Amino acid sequence: MDDKAAPRITIPARKGKAVRLGKGQHIKVINPTGQQVVDTWAFNANNLSEFQSNEHTRAFMLKMIPQPGDVLFTNQRRPILTMVEDTSPGIHDMLIAACDPSRYELLGVSEYHDNCQDNLHAALWELGLTAPETPSPLNLFMNIPWNGNALSFEESPTRPGDYVVFRAEMTCVVAFSACPQDIVKINGLGRKPTHAEFAVF
């Protein structure tokens, strides 16, 4: 794989971006500053009601966190992406739903707050697409440790420049949100969301 000539596309801090991938293409998701969570979705480009599903993927790989070589499956139990490389500490989340306006209301925010649900739909809208729902995302670089039956939101151990690479197993649309969460510490102790980047090759 050689992504050196591929342009890097910025996912602005607190916002979303989406891109179409052909089968066999790769996408590299980069964390330039470290600790920034990147909510990630993948949809069948020909049928947006088929999408990468965390619950179906966990049933196949029998893991809580994907690793290089693991295949991500759709809600129709078909491969859509394969993780082929991960230079980060390998901490990602497949449990937590995308943040949305109601999430911030529950956290005590009274005014509108940027959120991953709206970022997803805005990013798809830029491509002329409308998703019928907001699937649960693969939260790249997000640290949600579990101890028995307890979960917690912790800062990411990801380092500046760490990245993950996926290979498309079908023609798909991949969407990202540089998570705008600044109430809990998932985006670092400073709680200041930053940008992320991706490259297609």
N, C-alpha and C. Protein backbone atom coordinates (compact mmCIF):
# COMPACT_ATOMS: atom_id res chain seq x y z
N MET A 1 0.85 -1.19 0.00
CA MET A 1 0.00 0.00 0.00
C MET A 1 0.88 1.24 0.00
N ASP A 2 0.54 2.21 -0.84
CA ASP A 2 1.30 3.43 -0.91
C ASP A 2 0.34 4.61 -0.96
N ASP A 3 0.26 5.34 0.15
CA ASP A 3 -0.65 6.47 0.23
C ASP A 3 0.09 7.80 0.14
N LYS A 4 1.38 7.77 -0.18
CA LYS A 4 2.19 8.99 -0.14
C LYS A 4 1.67 10.04 -1.11
N ALA A 5 1.14 9.62 -2.25
CA ALA A 5 0.65 10.59 -3.23
C ALA A 5 -0.81 10.98 -3.00
N ALA A 6 -1.46 10.32 -2.07
CA ALA A 6 -2.89 10.60 -1.84
C ALA A 6 -3.05 11.88 -1.03
N PRO A 7 -3.88 12.79 -1.47
CA PRO A 7 -4.09 14.03 -0.70
C PRO A 7 -4.80 13.74 0.62
N ARG A 8 -4.42 14.48 1.64
CA ARG A 8 -5.10 14.38 2.93
C ARG A 8 -6.29 15.34 2.96
N ILE A 9 -7.42 14.81 3.34
CA ILE A 9 -8.64 15.60 3.45
C ILE A 9 -8.88 15.89 4.94
N THR A 10 -9.14 17.13 5.27
CA THR A 10 -9.38 17.51 6.66
C THR A 10 -10.83 17.27 7.06
N ILE A 11 -11.00 16.65 8.22
CA ILE A 11 -12.30 16.59 8.88
C ILE A 11 -12.25 17.71 9.92
N PRO A 12 -12.91 18.83 9.68
CA PRO A 12 -12.76 19.98 10.59
C PRO A 12 -13.17 19.63 12.02
N ALA A 13 -12.53 20.26 12.97
CA ALA A 13 -12.90 20.07 14.37
C ALA A 13 -14.39 20.29 14.55
N ARG A 14 -15.05 19.35 15.22
CA ARG A 14 -16.47 19.43 15.56
C ARG A 14 -17.40 19.19 14.38
N LYS A 15 -16.86 18.83 13.19
CA LYS A 15 -17.68 18.68 11.99
C LYS A 15 -17.48 17.30 11.36
N GLY A 16 -18.16 17.05 10.23
CA GLY A 16 -18.11 15.75 9.58
C GLY A 16 -17.68 15.85 8.13
N LYS A 17 -17.36 14.69 7.56
CA LYS A 17 -16.95 14.59 6.17
C LYS A 17 -17.26 13.17 5.71
N ALA A 18 -17.58 13.01 4.42
CA ALA A 18 -17.87 11.68 3.87
C ALA A 18 -17.22 11.55 2.51
N VAL A 19 -16.99 10.29 2.09
CA VAL A 19 -16.32 10.02 0.82
C VAL A 19 -16.79 8.68 0.28
N ARG A 20 -16.83 8.56 -1.04
CA ARG A 20 -17.17 7.30 -1.69
C ARG A 20 -15.91 6.48 -1.90
N LEU A 21 -16.00 5.17 -1.69
CA LEU A 21 -14.88 4.26 -1.93
C LEU A 21 -15.32 3.16 -2.87
N GLY A 22 -14.45 2.81 -3.83
CA GLY A 22 -14.68 1.65 -4.65
C GLY A 22 -14.17 0.40 -3.94
N LYS A 23 -14.71 -0.75 -4.29
CA LYS A 23 -14.25 -2.00 -3.71
C LYS A 23 -12.75 -2.14 -3.95
N GLY A 24 -12.00 -2.45 -2.89
CA GLY A 24 -10.56 -2.62 -2.98
C GLY A 24 -9.77 -1.38 -2.66
N GLN A 25 -10.42 -0.20 -2.63
CA GLN A 25 -9.71 1.01 -2.24
C GLN A 25 -9.45 1.00 -0.73
N HIS A 26 -8.46 1.80 -0.33
CA HIS A 26 -8.12 1.93 1.09
C HIS A 26 -8.40 3.34 1.56
N ILE A 27 -8.68 3.45 2.84
CA ILE A 27 -8.84 4.76 3.46
C ILE A 27 -8.04 4.79 4.76
N LYS A 28 -7.24 5.82 4.89
CA LYS A 28 -6.37 6.00 6.06
C LYS A 28 -6.95 7.13 6.91
N VAL A 29 -7.23 6.85 8.17
CA VAL A 29 -7.80 7.83 9.08
C VAL A 29 -6.71 8.25 10.06
N ILE A 30 -6.36 9.54 10.03
CA ILE A 30 -5.20 10.03 10.77
C ILE A 30 -5.64 10.94 11.91
N ASN A 31 -4.96 10.79 13.05
CA ASN A 31 -5.21 11.62 14.23
C ASN A 31 -4.03 12.56 14.41
N PRO A 32 -4.01 13.73 13.75
CA PRO A 32 -2.82 14.58 13.73
C PRO A 32 -2.38 15.07 15.10
N THR A 33 -3.33 15.37 15.98
CA THR A 33 -2.98 15.93 17.28
C THR A 33 -2.99 14.90 18.40
N GLY A 34 -3.50 13.70 18.11
CA GLY A 34 -3.65 12.69 19.15
C GLY A 34 -4.89 12.97 19.99
N GLN A 35 -5.49 11.91 20.50
CA GLN A 35 -6.61 11.96 21.45
C GLN A 35 -7.96 12.36 20.84
N GLN A 36 -8.01 12.78 19.57
CA GLN A 36 -9.29 13.15 18.98
C GLN A 36 -10.07 11.92 18.55
N VAL A 37 -11.28 11.78 19.06
CA VAL A 37 -12.17 10.69 18.68
C VAL A 37 -12.76 10.97 17.30
N VAL A 38 -12.82 9.93 16.47
CA VAL A 38 -13.40 10.06 15.13
C VAL A 38 -14.51 9.02 14.98
N ASP A 39 -15.76 9.47 15.09
CA ASP A 39 -16.89 8.58 14.84
C ASP A 39 -16.86 8.19 13.35
N THR A 40 -17.06 6.90 13.08
CA THR A 40 -16.89 6.39 11.72
C THR A 40 -18.05 5.48 11.35
N TRP A 41 -18.59 5.71 10.14
CA TRP A 41 -19.68 4.90 9.61
C TRP A 41 -19.32 4.45 8.20
N ALA A 42 -19.88 3.32 7.77
CA ALA A 42 -19.73 2.88 6.38
C ALA A 42 -21.08 2.36 5.91
N PHE A 43 -21.50 2.81 4.73
CA PHE A 43 -22.78 2.44 4.14
C PHE A 43 -22.55 1.80 2.78
N ASN A 44 -23.37 0.83 2.43
CA ASN A 44 -23.42 0.32 1.06
C ASN A 44 -23.80 1.49 0.16
N ALA A 45 -22.94 1.82 -0.82
CA ALA A 45 -23.19 2.99 -1.66
C ALA A 45 -24.47 2.86 -2.49
N ASN A 46 -24.91 1.64 -2.72
CA ASN A 46 -26.10 1.40 -3.54
C ASN A 46 -27.37 1.23 -2.72
N ASN A 47 -27.22 1.19 -1.40
CA ASN A 47 -28.37 0.97 -0.53
C ASN A 47 -28.00 1.42 0.88
N LEU A 48 -28.32 2.66 1.22
CA LEU A 48 -27.87 3.21 2.50
C LEU A 48 -28.57 2.59 3.70
N SER A 49 -29.57 1.74 3.46
CA SER A 49 -30.18 1.03 4.58
C SER A 49 -29.32 -0.15 5.02
N GLU A 50 -28.26 -0.47 4.24
CA GLU A 50 -27.27 -1.46 4.65
C GLU A 50 -26.02 -0.72 5.09
N PHE A 51 -25.58 -0.98 6.31
CA PHE A 51 -24.47 -0.22 6.88
C PHE A 51 -23.66 -1.07 7.85
N GLN A 52 -22.44 -0.64 8.10
CA GLN A 52 -21.60 -1.34 9.08
C GLN A 52 -22.29 -1.37 10.42
N SER A 53 -22.37 -2.56 10.99
CA SER A 53 -23.11 -2.77 12.22
C SER A 53 -22.18 -3.33 13.29
N ASN A 54 -22.07 -2.61 14.41
CA ASN A 54 -21.20 -3.08 15.49
C ASN A 54 -21.67 -4.40 16.08
N GLU A 55 -22.99 -4.54 16.26
CA GLU A 55 -23.48 -5.77 16.89
C GLU A 55 -23.28 -6.98 15.98
N HIS A 56 -23.46 -6.81 14.67
CA HIS A 56 -23.22 -7.93 13.76
C HIS A 56 -21.73 -8.22 13.65
N THR A 57 -20.90 -7.19 13.71
CA THR A 57 -19.45 -7.39 13.63
C THR A 57 -18.93 -8.10 14.87
N ARG A 58 -19.39 -7.70 16.04
CA ARG A 58 -18.93 -8.36 17.28
C ARG A 58 -19.30 -9.84 17.27
N ALA A 59 -20.46 -10.17 16.74
CA ALA A 59 -20.88 -11.58 16.70
C ALA A 59 -19.96 -12.41 15.82
N PHE A 60 -19.38 -11.78 14.80
CA PHE A 60 -18.48 -12.51 13.90
C PHE A 60 -17.07 -12.58 14.45
N MET A 61 -16.52 -11.45 14.92
CA MET A 61 -15.11 -11.45 15.32
C MET A 61 -14.90 -11.85 16.77
N LEU A 62 -15.98 -11.87 17.57
CA LEU A 62 -15.91 -12.26 18.98
C LEU A 62 -14.88 -11.44 19.75
N LYS A 63 -14.89 -10.14 19.47
CA LYS A 63 -14.02 -9.19 20.15
C LYS A 63 -14.80 -7.91 20.42
N MET A 64 -14.32 -7.14 21.40
CA MET A 64 -14.93 -5.85 21.68
C MET A 64 -14.29 -4.73 20.86
N ILE A 65 -13.07 -4.94 20.39
CA ILE A 65 -12.33 -3.92 19.64
C ILE A 65 -11.71 -4.58 18.42
N PRO A 66 -11.90 -4.01 17.22
CA PRO A 66 -11.28 -4.61 16.03
C PRO A 66 -9.77 -4.38 16.00
N GLN A 67 -9.08 -5.30 15.37
CA GLN A 67 -7.64 -5.24 15.20
C GLN A 67 -7.32 -5.49 13.72
N PRO A 68 -6.08 -5.17 13.29
CA PRO A 68 -5.73 -5.44 11.89
C PRO A 68 -6.03 -6.89 11.51
N GLY A 69 -6.67 -7.05 10.37
CA GLY A 69 -7.10 -8.37 9.90
C GLY A 69 -8.57 -8.64 10.16
N ASP A 70 -9.19 -7.86 11.05
CA ASP A 70 -10.60 -8.06 11.36
C ASP A 70 -11.50 -7.42 10.30
N VAL A 71 -12.58 -8.12 9.99
CA VAL A 71 -13.56 -7.67 9.00
C VAL A 71 -14.74 -7.05 9.73
N LEU A 72 -15.20 -5.90 9.23
CA LEU A 72 -16.40 -5.26 9.76
C LEU A 72 -17.58 -5.63 8.87
N PHE A 73 -18.67 -6.05 9.49
CA PHE A 73 -19.83 -6.56 8.77
C PHE A 73 -20.99 -5.59 8.81
N THR A 74 -21.89 -5.72 7.82
CA THR A 74 -23.08 -4.89 7.77
C THR A 74 -24.22 -5.53 8.55
N ASN A 75 -25.32 -4.78 8.63
CA ASN A 75 -26.53 -5.31 9.25
C ASN A 75 -27.18 -6.39 8.41
N GLN A 76 -26.65 -6.65 7.21
CA GLN A 76 -27.06 -7.80 6.41
C GLN A 76 -25.99 -8.90 6.43
N ARG A 77 -25.05 -8.77 7.38
CA ARG A 77 -24.00 -9.77 7.62
C ARG A 77 -23.09 -9.97 6.40
N ARG A 78 -22.76 -8.86 5.74
CA ARG A 78 -21.83 -8.91 4.62
C ARG A 78 -20.62 -8.04 4.94
N PRO A 79 -19.42 -8.44 4.50
CA PRO A 79 -18.22 -7.63 4.75
C PRO A 79 -18.32 -6.28 4.05
N ILE A 80 -17.94 -5.22 4.75
CA ILE A 80 -17.93 -3.89 4.15
C ILE A 80 -16.56 -3.24 4.26
N LEU A 81 -15.87 -3.41 5.38
CA LEU A 81 -14.51 -2.89 5.55
C LEU A 81 -13.65 -3.93 6.27
N THR A 82 -12.36 -3.91 5.97
CA THR A 82 -11.39 -4.70 6.73
C THR A 82 -10.35 -3.75 7.30
N MET A 83 -10.07 -3.87 8.60
CA MET A 83 -8.99 -3.09 9.19
C MET A 83 -7.68 -3.76 8.79
N VAL A 84 -6.81 -3.04 8.11
CA VAL A 84 -5.55 -3.64 7.64
C VAL A 84 -4.34 -3.10 8.36
N GLU A 85 -4.45 -1.96 9.02
CA GLU A 85 -3.30 -1.40 9.74
C GLU A 85 -3.79 -0.50 10.87
N ASP A 86 -3.06 -0.49 11.97
CA ASP A 86 -3.40 0.38 13.11
C ASP A 86 -2.12 0.71 13.85
N THR A 87 -1.67 1.95 13.77
CA THR A 87 -0.45 2.35 14.48
C THR A 87 -0.75 2.93 15.85
N SER A 88 -2.02 3.07 16.19
CA SER A 88 -2.41 3.60 17.49
C SER A 88 -2.26 2.52 18.56
N PRO A 89 -2.48 2.85 19.83
CA PRO A 89 -2.46 1.80 20.86
C PRO A 89 -3.57 0.75 20.71
N GLY A 90 -4.44 0.94 19.72
CA GLY A 90 -5.46 -0.08 19.46
C GLY A 90 -6.70 0.06 20.32
N ILE A 91 -6.90 1.24 20.89
CA ILE A 91 -8.08 1.48 21.72
C ILE A 91 -9.14 2.18 20.88
N HIS A 92 -10.23 1.47 20.61
CA HIS A 92 -11.37 2.00 19.86
C HIS A 92 -12.65 1.53 20.56
N ASP A 93 -13.78 2.10 20.19
CA ASP A 93 -15.03 1.76 20.88
C ASP A 93 -16.10 1.32 19.90
N MET A 94 -16.81 0.24 20.26
CA MET A 94 -17.93 -0.26 19.47
C MET A 94 -19.20 -0.36 20.31
N LEU A 95 -19.27 0.41 21.41
CA LEU A 95 -20.41 0.32 22.31
C LEU A 95 -21.27 1.57 22.37
N ILE A 96 -20.65 2.74 22.25
CA ILE A 96 -21.33 4.00 22.55
C ILE A 96 -21.96 4.61 21.29
N ALA A 97 -23.20 5.04 21.41
CA ALA A 97 -23.91 5.68 20.30
C ALA A 97 -23.30 7.04 19.99
N ALA A 98 -23.54 7.52 18.78
CA ALA A 98 -23.10 8.86 18.41
C ALA A 98 -23.76 9.90 19.31
N CYS A 99 -23.00 10.92 19.68
CA CYS A 99 -23.61 12.00 20.46
C CYS A 99 -24.64 12.73 19.58
N ASP A 100 -25.68 13.25 20.23
CA ASP A 100 -26.77 13.91 19.53
C ASP A 100 -27.31 15.02 20.44
N PRO A 101 -28.23 15.84 19.98
CA PRO A 101 -28.73 16.93 20.82
C PRO A 101 -29.26 16.46 22.18
N SER A 102 -29.94 15.32 22.19
CA SER A 102 -30.49 14.82 23.46
C SER A 102 -29.39 14.44 24.44
N ARG A 103 -28.29 13.91 23.91
CA ARG A 103 -27.15 13.56 24.78
C ARG A 103 -26.63 14.79 25.50
N TYR A 104 -26.51 15.90 24.78
CA TYR A 104 -25.98 17.11 25.41
C TYR A 104 -27.00 17.72 26.37
N GLU A 105 -28.28 17.59 26.07
CA GLU A 105 -29.30 18.04 27.03
C GLU A 105 -29.16 17.28 28.34
N LEU A 106 -28.95 15.96 28.25
CA LEU A 106 -28.79 15.15 29.45
C LEU A 106 -27.52 15.51 30.21
N LEU A 107 -26.53 16.07 29.49
CA LEU A 107 -25.28 16.51 30.14
C LEU A 107 -25.37 17.94 30.64
N GLY A 108 -26.55 18.55 30.53
CA GLY A 108 -26.76 19.88 31.09
C GLY A 108 -26.56 21.03 30.15
N VAL A 109 -26.42 20.75 28.84
CA VAL A 109 -26.23 21.82 27.86
C VAL A 109 -27.60 22.29 27.39
N SER A 110 -27.87 23.60 27.54
CA SER A 110 -29.20 24.11 27.22
C SER A 110 -29.33 24.61 25.79
N GLU A 111 -28.21 25.06 25.19
CA GLU A 111 -28.26 25.57 23.82
C GLU A 111 -27.82 24.48 22.84
N TYR A 112 -27.92 24.77 21.54
CA TYR A 112 -27.50 23.78 20.55
C TYR A 112 -26.01 23.49 20.69
N HIS A 113 -25.65 22.23 20.54
CA HIS A 113 -24.25 21.80 20.61
C HIS A 113 -23.96 20.97 19.37
N ASP A 114 -22.85 21.26 18.69
CA ASP A 114 -22.43 20.39 17.58
C ASP A 114 -22.44 18.95 18.05
N ASN A 115 -22.81 18.02 17.16
CA ASN A 115 -22.90 16.63 17.59
C ASN A 115 -22.67 15.71 16.40
N CYS A 116 -22.28 14.47 16.70
CA CYS A 116 -21.88 13.53 15.65
C CYS A 116 -23.06 13.09 14.80
N GLN A 117 -24.25 12.99 15.38
CA GLN A 117 -25.42 12.60 14.58
C GLN A 117 -25.66 13.61 13.47
N ASP A 118 -25.69 14.88 13.81
CA ASP A 118 -25.92 15.91 12.80
C ASP A 118 -24.74 15.99 11.83
N ASN A 119 -23.53 15.78 12.32
CA ASN A 119 -22.35 15.79 11.45
C ASN A 119 -22.43 14.70 10.40
N LEU A 120 -22.89 13.51 10.80
CA LEU A 120 -23.04 12.41 9.84
C LEU A 120 -23.98 12.81 8.72
N HIS A 121 -25.15 13.30 9.08
CA HIS A 121 -26.16 13.59 8.06
C HIS A 121 -25.77 14.78 7.20
N ALA A 122 -25.07 15.76 7.79
CA ALA A 122 -24.58 16.89 6.99
C ALA A 122 -23.52 16.44 6.00
N ALA A 123 -22.64 15.52 6.44
CA ALA A 123 -21.58 15.01 5.55
C ALA A 123 -22.18 14.23 4.39
N LEU A 124 -23.18 13.41 4.66
CA LEU A 124 -23.83 12.66 3.58
C LEU A 124 -24.59 13.60 2.65
N TRP A 125 -25.19 14.64 3.22
CA TRP A 125 -25.95 15.60 2.42
C TRP A 125 -25.04 16.28 1.39
N GLU A 126 -23.78 16.52 1.79
CA GLU A 126 -22.81 17.13 0.86
C GLU A 126 -22.59 16.25 -0.37
N LEU A 127 -22.80 14.94 -0.22
CA LEU A 127 -22.67 14.01 -1.34
C LEU A 127 -24.01 13.76 -2.03
N GLY A 128 -25.04 14.46 -1.59
CA GLY A 128 -26.36 14.27 -2.17
C GLY A 128 -27.07 13.04 -1.65
N LEU A 129 -26.72 12.60 -0.44
CA LEU A 129 -27.25 11.36 0.12
C LEU A 129 -28.00 11.63 1.42
N THR A 130 -28.97 10.78 1.70
CA THR A 130 -29.73 10.84 2.96
C THR A 130 -29.81 9.45 3.55
N ALA A 131 -29.28 9.29 4.74
CA ALA A 131 -29.34 7.99 5.43
C ALA A 131 -30.66 7.86 6.15
N PRO A 132 -31.26 6.67 6.14
CA PRO A 132 -32.56 6.49 6.79
C PRO A 132 -32.48 6.48 8.32
N GLU A 133 -31.29 6.32 8.86
CA GLU A 133 -31.12 6.32 10.30
C GLU A 133 -29.67 6.64 10.65
N THR A 134 -29.40 6.76 11.94
CA THR A 134 -28.04 6.98 12.42
C THR A 134 -27.54 5.69 13.07
N PRO A 135 -26.76 4.90 12.36
CA PRO A 135 -26.26 3.66 12.96
C PRO A 135 -25.29 3.97 14.11
N SER A 136 -25.08 2.99 14.94
CA SER A 136 -24.07 3.11 15.98
C SER A 136 -22.70 3.15 15.31
N PRO A 137 -21.87 4.15 15.62
CA PRO A 137 -20.59 4.28 14.92
C PRO A 137 -19.49 3.41 15.51
N LEU A 138 -18.47 3.17 14.69
CA LEU A 138 -17.19 2.68 15.20
C LEU A 138 -16.45 3.93 15.63
N ASN A 139 -16.24 4.08 16.93
CA ASN A 139 -15.61 5.28 17.47
C ASN A 139 -14.10 5.08 17.53
N LEU A 140 -13.43 5.48 16.45
CA LEU A 140 -11.99 5.32 16.40
C LEU A 140 -11.31 6.18 17.45
N PHE A 141 -10.32 5.60 18.10
CA PHE A 141 -9.47 6.27 19.09
C PHE A 141 -10.20 6.61 20.39
N MET A 142 -11.40 6.09 20.59
CA MET A 142 -12.19 6.40 21.79
C MET A 142 -11.96 5.35 22.86
N ASN A 143 -11.74 5.80 24.08
CA ASN A 143 -11.36 4.94 25.19
C ASN A 143 -12.54 4.77 26.15
N ILE A 144 -13.22 3.63 26.02
CA ILE A 144 -14.34 3.29 26.91
C ILE A 144 -14.00 1.96 27.59
N PRO A 145 -13.19 2.01 28.65
CA PRO A 145 -12.83 0.75 29.31
C PRO A 145 -14.02 0.17 30.07
N TRP A 146 -14.01 -1.13 30.25
CA TRP A 146 -15.06 -1.79 31.01
C TRP A 146 -14.42 -2.65 32.09
N ASN A 147 -15.09 -2.71 33.22
CA ASN A 147 -14.64 -3.49 34.36
C ASN A 147 -15.86 -4.20 34.92
N GLY A 148 -15.96 -5.49 34.59
CA GLY A 148 -17.16 -6.22 34.96
C GLY A 148 -18.34 -5.64 34.21
N ASN A 149 -19.28 -5.05 34.93
CA ASN A 149 -20.47 -4.49 34.31
C ASN A 149 -20.42 -2.96 34.22
N ALA A 150 -19.27 -2.36 34.54
CA ALA A 150 -19.16 -0.90 34.59
C ALA A 150 -18.36 -0.37 33.40
N LEU A 151 -18.85 0.73 32.81
CA LEU A 151 -18.16 1.43 31.74
C LEU A 151 -17.73 2.80 32.25
N SER A 152 -16.71 3.38 31.61
CA SER A 152 -16.33 4.75 31.93
C SER A 152 -15.83 5.44 30.67
N PHE A 153 -15.90 6.77 30.67
CA PHE A 153 -15.41 7.60 29.57
C PHE A 153 -14.04 8.14 29.98
N GLU A 154 -13.02 7.73 29.24
CA GLU A 154 -11.65 8.13 29.60
C GLU A 154 -10.96 8.80 28.42
N GLU A 155 -9.88 9.51 28.71
CA GLU A 155 -9.15 10.17 27.64
C GLU A 155 -8.45 9.13 26.76
N SER A 156 -8.31 9.45 25.50
CA SER A 156 -7.71 8.53 24.54
C SER A 156 -6.20 8.46 24.71
N PRO A 157 -5.61 7.26 24.59
CA PRO A 157 -4.15 7.14 24.63
C PRO A 157 -3.49 7.35 23.28
N THR A 158 -4.29 7.73 22.25
CA THR A 158 -3.75 7.90 20.91
C THR A 158 -2.72 9.02 20.86
N ARG A 159 -1.67 8.81 20.07
CA ARG A 159 -0.57 9.77 19.96
C ARG A 159 -0.70 10.57 18.67
N PRO A 160 -0.13 11.78 18.63
CA PRO A 160 -0.17 12.57 17.40
C PRO A 160 0.39 11.79 16.21
N GLY A 161 -0.36 11.76 15.12
CA GLY A 161 0.07 11.07 13.91
C GLY A 161 -0.35 9.63 13.81
N ASP A 162 -0.91 9.05 14.87
CA ASP A 162 -1.40 7.67 14.78
C ASP A 162 -2.51 7.58 13.73
N TYR A 163 -2.62 6.40 13.12
CA TYR A 163 -3.63 6.24 12.07
C TYR A 163 -4.12 4.80 12.01
N VAL A 164 -5.26 4.66 11.32
CA VAL A 164 -5.86 3.36 11.05
C VAL A 164 -6.14 3.31 9.55
N VAL A 165 -5.94 2.14 8.93
CA VAL A 165 -6.23 1.95 7.51
C VAL A 165 -7.27 0.85 7.34
N PHE A 166 -8.26 1.12 6.50
CA PHE A 166 -9.29 0.15 6.16
C PHE A 166 -9.28 -0.10 4.66
N ARG A 167 -9.68 -1.31 4.27
CA ARG A 167 -9.90 -1.66 2.86
C ARG A 167 -11.39 -1.86 2.64
N ALA A 168 -11.91 -1.27 1.57
CA ALA A 168 -13.33 -1.42 1.25
C ALA A 168 -13.59 -2.79 0.64
N GLU A 169 -14.55 -3.52 1.18
CA GLU A 169 -14.92 -4.84 0.67
C GLU A 169 -16.14 -4.78 -0.24
N MET A 170 -16.71 -3.60 -0.37
CA MET A 170 -17.79 -3.34 -1.34
C MET A 170 -17.72 -1.86 -1.67
N THR A 171 -18.41 -1.45 -2.73
CA THR A 171 -18.52 -0.03 -3.02
C THR A 171 -19.32 0.60 -1.89
N CYS A 172 -18.73 1.59 -1.24
CA CYS A 172 -19.35 2.10 -0.03
C CYS A 172 -19.13 3.60 0.12
N VAL A 173 -19.85 4.16 1.06
CA VAL A 173 -19.65 5.54 1.49
C VAL A 173 -19.20 5.50 2.94
N VAL A 174 -18.06 6.10 3.21
CA VAL A 174 -17.54 6.17 4.57
C VAL A 174 -17.70 7.60 5.07
N ALA A 175 -18.23 7.74 6.26
CA ALA A 175 -18.46 9.05 6.85
C ALA A 175 -17.76 9.16 8.19
N PHE A 176 -17.34 10.38 8.51
CA PHE A 176 -16.60 10.64 9.75
C PHE A 176 -17.17 11.86 10.45
N SER A 177 -17.01 11.87 11.77
CA SER A 177 -17.24 13.07 12.56
C SER A 177 -16.07 13.23 13.52
N ALA A 178 -15.39 14.40 13.45
CA ALA A 178 -14.39 14.73 14.47
C ALA A 178 -15.19 15.14 15.70
N CYS A 179 -15.37 14.20 16.60
CA CYS A 179 -16.36 14.32 17.68
C CYS A 179 -16.23 15.64 18.45
N PRO A 180 -17.35 16.37 18.59
CA PRO A 180 -17.31 17.66 19.28
C PRO A 180 -17.50 17.59 20.80
N GLN A 181 -17.40 16.38 21.35
CA GLN A 181 -17.63 16.21 22.78
C GLN A 181 -16.62 17.02 23.60
N ASP A 182 -17.11 17.94 24.41
CA ASP A 182 -16.24 18.75 25.26
C ASP A 182 -16.76 18.82 26.69
N ILE A 183 -17.68 17.91 27.02
CA ILE A 183 -18.21 17.86 28.38
C ILE A 183 -17.52 16.75 29.17
N VAL A 184 -17.44 15.56 28.59
CA VAL A 184 -16.66 14.48 29.19
C VAL A 184 -15.29 14.46 28.51
N LYS A 185 -14.33 13.73 29.08
CA LYS A 185 -12.92 13.89 28.70
C LYS A 185 -12.43 12.97 27.60
N ILE A 186 -13.32 12.46 26.74
CA ILE A 186 -12.86 11.51 25.72
C ILE A 186 -11.89 12.12 24.72
N ASN A 187 -11.97 13.44 24.51
CA ASN A 187 -11.05 14.11 23.60
C ASN A 187 -9.86 14.73 24.33
N GLY A 188 -9.45 14.12 25.42
CA GLY A 188 -8.30 14.59 26.18
C GLY A 188 -8.72 15.40 27.40
N LEU A 189 -7.79 15.54 28.30
CA LEU A 189 -8.10 16.23 29.55
C LEU A 189 -8.45 17.70 29.31
N GLY A 190 -7.93 18.29 28.21
CA GLY A 190 -8.29 19.66 27.90
C GLY A 190 -9.69 19.81 27.35
N ARG A 191 -10.30 18.66 26.96
CA ARG A 191 -11.68 18.64 26.46
C ARG A 191 -11.88 19.60 25.29
N LYS A 192 -10.86 19.74 24.45
CA LYS A 192 -10.95 20.63 23.30
C LYS A 192 -10.88 19.81 22.03
N PRO A 193 -12.01 19.62 21.33
CA PRO A 193 -11.99 18.84 20.09
C PRO A 193 -11.08 19.48 19.04
N THR A 194 -10.43 18.62 18.27
CA THR A 194 -9.54 19.09 17.21
C THR A 194 -9.92 18.41 15.90
N HIS A 195 -9.21 18.72 14.85
CA HIS A 195 -9.51 18.16 13.53
C HIS A 195 -8.91 16.76 13.41
N ALA A 196 -9.31 16.05 12.35
CA ALA A 196 -8.71 14.78 11.97
C ALA A 196 -8.53 14.83 10.46
N GLU A 197 -7.94 13.78 9.88
CA GLU A 197 -7.70 13.75 8.45
C GLU A 197 -7.93 12.35 7.91
N PHE A 198 -8.15 12.25 6.59
CA PHE A 198 -8.20 10.95 5.94
C PHE A 198 -7.61 11.06 4.54
N ALA A 199 -7.19 9.93 4.01
CA ALA A 199 -6.66 9.86 2.65
C ALA A 199 -7.17 8.59 2.01
N VAL A 200 -7.53 8.68 0.75
CA VAL A 200 -8.04 7.53 -0.01
C VAL A 200 -7.00 7.14 -1.04
N PHE A 201 -6.73 5.84 -1.15
CA PHE A 201 -5.73 5.36 -2.12
C PHE A 201 -6.04 3.94 -2.57
